[in-house]
Amino acid sequence: MKKEIYSKILYIICALLIAGFAMTLWVKYKTYQMFALPFYYHVIFYSIVFLVPCLILLLIARVLKRMLK
């Protein structure tokens, strides 16, 4: 029972990373200035910062879930 919690915790962390990605991009969009770096650079950078670790955690959680069955 306790080992099943690990995959759930990883899913929760993944959801928090996705929420952090969305909130960060929303704040960047609201404070974006036209003469600054193009906005898609912000999207690419923050997708690397937030979504790549989220995908890694998602894969680890699925592997753990399958191993524990």
N, C-alpha and C. Protein backbone atom coordinates (compact mmCIF):
# COMPACT_ATOMS: atom_id res chain seq x y z
N MET A 1 0.82 -1.20 0.00
CA MET A 1 0.00 0.00 0.00
C MET A 1 0.86 1.25 0.00
N LYS A 2 1.92 1.26 0.76
CA LYS A 2 2.75 2.46 0.85
C LYS A 2 3.50 2.72 -0.46
N LYS A 3 3.84 1.66 -1.18
CA LYS A 3 4.59 1.84 -2.42
C LYS A 3 3.72 2.43 -3.52
N GLU A 4 2.41 2.25 -3.45
CA GLU A 4 1.51 2.84 -4.44
C GLU A 4 1.47 4.36 -4.32
N ILE A 5 1.80 4.87 -3.17
CA ILE A 5 1.76 6.31 -2.94
C ILE A 5 2.82 7.03 -3.77
N TYR A 6 3.94 6.36 -4.03
CA TYR A 6 5.02 7.00 -4.78
C TYR A 6 4.58 7.43 -6.17
N SER A 7 3.85 6.58 -6.87
CA SER A 7 3.40 6.97 -8.20
C SER A 7 2.38 8.10 -8.12
N LYS A 8 1.53 8.08 -7.10
CA LYS A 8 0.55 9.16 -6.95
C LYS A 8 1.24 10.49 -6.64
N ILE A 9 2.27 10.44 -5.83
CA ILE A 9 3.02 11.66 -5.51
C ILE A 9 3.69 12.21 -6.77
N LEU A 10 4.23 11.32 -7.60
CA LEU A 10 4.86 11.77 -8.84
C LEU A 10 3.84 12.38 -9.79
N TYR A 11 2.62 11.81 -9.84
CA TYR A 11 1.56 12.40 -10.65
C TYR A 11 1.17 13.79 -10.14
N ILE A 12 1.12 13.96 -8.84
CA ILE A 12 0.79 15.26 -8.26
C ILE A 12 1.88 16.28 -8.58
N ILE A 13 3.14 15.88 -8.48
CA ILE A 13 4.24 16.78 -8.82
C ILE A 13 4.18 17.16 -10.28
N CYS A 14 3.83 16.21 -11.13
CA CYS A 14 3.70 16.49 -12.56
C CYS A 14 2.58 17.51 -12.81
N ALA A 15 1.46 17.35 -12.13
CA ALA A 15 0.36 18.31 -12.28
C ALA A 15 0.78 19.69 -11.79
N LEU A 16 1.54 19.75 -10.71
CA LEU A 16 2.03 21.04 -10.21
C LEU A 16 2.99 21.69 -11.19
N LEU A 17 3.82 20.90 -11.85
CA LEU A 17 4.72 21.45 -12.86
C LEU A 17 3.95 22.01 -14.05
N ILE A 18 2.90 21.33 -14.46
CA ILE A 18 2.08 21.84 -15.57
C ILE A 18 1.38 23.13 -15.15
N ALA A 19 0.88 23.18 -13.93
CA ALA A 19 0.24 24.40 -13.44
C ALA A 19 1.26 25.53 -13.33
N GLY A 20 2.46 25.23 -12.88
CA GLY A 20 3.51 26.24 -12.81
C GLY A 20 3.89 26.76 -14.18
N PHE A 21 3.93 25.87 -15.17
CA PHE A 21 4.21 26.27 -16.55
C PHE A 21 3.14 27.24 -17.05
N ALA A 22 1.89 26.89 -16.83
CA ALA A 22 0.79 27.74 -17.30
C ALA A 22 0.79 29.09 -16.60
N MET A 23 1.01 29.09 -15.30
CA MET A 23 1.01 30.35 -14.55
C MET A 23 2.20 31.22 -14.95
N THR A 24 3.36 30.62 -15.14
CA THR A 24 4.54 31.38 -15.52
C THR A 24 4.35 32.02 -16.89
N LEU A 25 3.82 31.25 -17.84
CA LEU A 25 3.59 31.83 -19.16
C LEU A 25 2.52 32.91 -19.12
N TRP A 26 1.51 32.75 -18.27
CA TRP A 26 0.49 33.78 -18.17
C TRP A 26 1.08 35.08 -17.63
N VAL A 27 1.92 34.98 -16.61
CA VAL A 27 2.57 36.17 -16.04
C VAL A 27 3.51 36.80 -17.07
N LYS A 28 4.26 35.97 -17.78
CA LYS A 28 5.16 36.50 -18.81
C LYS A 28 4.38 37.18 -19.92
N TYR A 29 3.22 36.63 -20.27
CA TYR A 29 2.39 37.23 -21.32
C TYR A 29 1.85 38.59 -20.88
N LYS A 30 1.46 38.68 -19.62
CA LYS A 30 0.91 39.94 -19.11
C LYS A 30 1.98 41.02 -18.99
N THR A 31 3.22 40.62 -18.69
CA THR A 31 4.30 41.61 -18.51
C THR A 31 5.20 41.71 -19.73
N TYR A 32 4.81 41.09 -20.84
CA TYR A 32 5.64 41.07 -22.04
C TYR A 32 5.70 42.46 -22.66
N GLN A 33 6.89 42.82 -23.09
CA GLN A 33 7.10 44.10 -23.77
C GLN A 33 7.48 43.82 -25.22
N MET A 34 6.95 44.60 -26.12
CA MET A 34 7.10 44.32 -27.55
C MET A 34 8.54 44.39 -28.03
N PHE A 35 9.38 45.19 -27.41
CA PHE A 35 10.75 45.34 -27.88
C PHE A 35 11.68 44.30 -27.26
N ALA A 36 11.16 43.39 -26.48
CA ALA A 36 11.96 42.35 -25.83
C ALA A 36 12.11 41.13 -26.75
N LEU A 37 12.67 40.09 -26.20
CA LEU A 37 12.85 38.82 -26.90
C LEU A 37 11.48 38.30 -27.35
N PRO A 38 11.40 37.69 -28.54
CA PRO A 38 10.10 37.16 -29.00
C PRO A 38 9.50 36.19 -27.98
N PHE A 39 8.17 36.22 -27.91
CA PHE A 39 7.49 35.47 -26.86
C PHE A 39 7.65 33.97 -27.01
N TYR A 40 7.79 33.48 -28.24
CA TYR A 40 7.93 32.04 -28.40
C TYR A 40 9.24 31.52 -27.81
N TYR A 41 10.24 32.38 -27.64
CA TYR A 41 11.45 31.97 -26.92
C TYR A 41 11.14 31.68 -25.45
N HIS A 42 10.28 32.49 -24.88
CA HIS A 42 9.85 32.24 -23.50
C HIS A 42 9.11 30.90 -23.41
N VAL A 43 8.25 30.64 -24.40
CA VAL A 43 7.50 29.39 -24.40
C VAL A 43 8.44 28.20 -24.51
N ILE A 44 9.42 28.28 -25.40
CA ILE A 44 10.38 27.19 -25.56
C ILE A 44 11.20 26.99 -24.30
N PHE A 45 11.70 28.07 -23.72
CA PHE A 45 12.52 27.97 -22.52
C PHE A 45 11.75 27.37 -21.35
N TYR A 46 10.55 27.88 -21.10
CA TYR A 46 9.79 27.38 -19.96
C TYR A 46 9.21 26.00 -20.21
N SER A 47 9.02 25.62 -21.46
CA SER A 47 8.62 24.24 -21.71
C SER A 47 9.76 23.29 -21.39
N ILE A 48 11.00 23.70 -21.65
CA ILE A 48 12.15 22.88 -21.27
C ILE A 48 12.27 22.82 -19.75
N VAL A 49 12.07 23.94 -19.10
CA VAL A 49 12.23 24.00 -17.64
C VAL A 49 11.13 23.21 -16.92
N PHE A 50 9.89 23.30 -17.38
CA PHE A 50 8.78 22.69 -16.66
C PHE A 50 8.29 21.37 -17.26
N LEU A 51 8.15 21.31 -18.58
CA LEU A 51 7.48 20.16 -19.17
C LEU A 51 8.38 18.95 -19.38
N VAL A 52 9.66 19.16 -19.64
CA VAL A 52 10.57 18.02 -19.78
C VAL A 52 10.69 17.25 -18.47
N PRO A 53 10.92 17.92 -17.33
CA PRO A 53 10.91 17.16 -16.07
C PRO A 53 9.56 16.50 -15.78
N CYS A 54 8.48 17.15 -16.21
CA CYS A 54 7.15 16.56 -16.02
C CYS A 54 7.02 15.27 -16.81
N LEU A 55 7.50 15.25 -18.03
CA LEU A 55 7.44 14.03 -18.83
C LEU A 55 8.30 12.92 -18.23
N ILE A 56 9.45 13.29 -17.71
CA ILE A 56 10.32 12.30 -17.06
C ILE A 56 9.63 11.72 -15.83
N LEU A 57 9.04 12.58 -15.01
CA LEU A 57 8.32 12.10 -13.82
C LEU A 57 7.12 11.24 -14.20
N LEU A 58 6.44 11.60 -15.27
CA LEU A 58 5.30 10.83 -15.73
C LEU A 58 5.72 9.43 -16.15
N LEU A 59 6.82 9.33 -16.88
CA LEU A 59 7.33 8.02 -17.28
C LEU A 59 7.75 7.18 -16.08
N ILE A 60 8.43 7.81 -15.13
CA ILE A 60 8.85 7.09 -13.92
C ILE A 60 7.64 6.61 -13.13
N ALA A 61 6.61 7.44 -13.03
CA ALA A 61 5.40 7.05 -12.29
C ALA A 61 4.70 5.87 -12.95
N ARG A 62 4.65 5.88 -14.28
CA ARG A 62 4.00 4.75 -14.97
C ARG A 62 4.80 3.47 -14.82
N VAL A 63 6.11 3.58 -14.88
CA VAL A 63 6.94 2.39 -14.68
C VAL A 63 6.77 1.85 -13.27
N LEU A 64 6.77 2.74 -12.28
CA LEU A 64 6.56 2.30 -10.89
C LEU A 64 5.20 1.64 -10.71
N LYS A 65 4.20 2.21 -11.33
CA LYS A 65 2.85 1.66 -11.20
C LYS A 65 2.76 0.27 -11.81
N ARG A 66 3.42 0.07 -12.95
CA ARG A 66 3.41 -1.25 -13.59
C ARG A 66 4.25 -2.26 -12.80
N MET A 67 5.34 -1.80 -12.22
CA MET A 67 6.20 -2.72 -11.47
C MET A 67 5.53 -3.18 -10.18
N LEU A 68 4.69 -2.35 -9.60
CA LEU A 68 4.07 -2.69 -8.32
C LEU A 68 2.82 -3.55 -8.47
N LYS A 69 2.33 -3.73 -9.68
CA LYS A 69 1.13 -4.56 -9.87
C LYS A 69 1.45 -6.02 -9.84
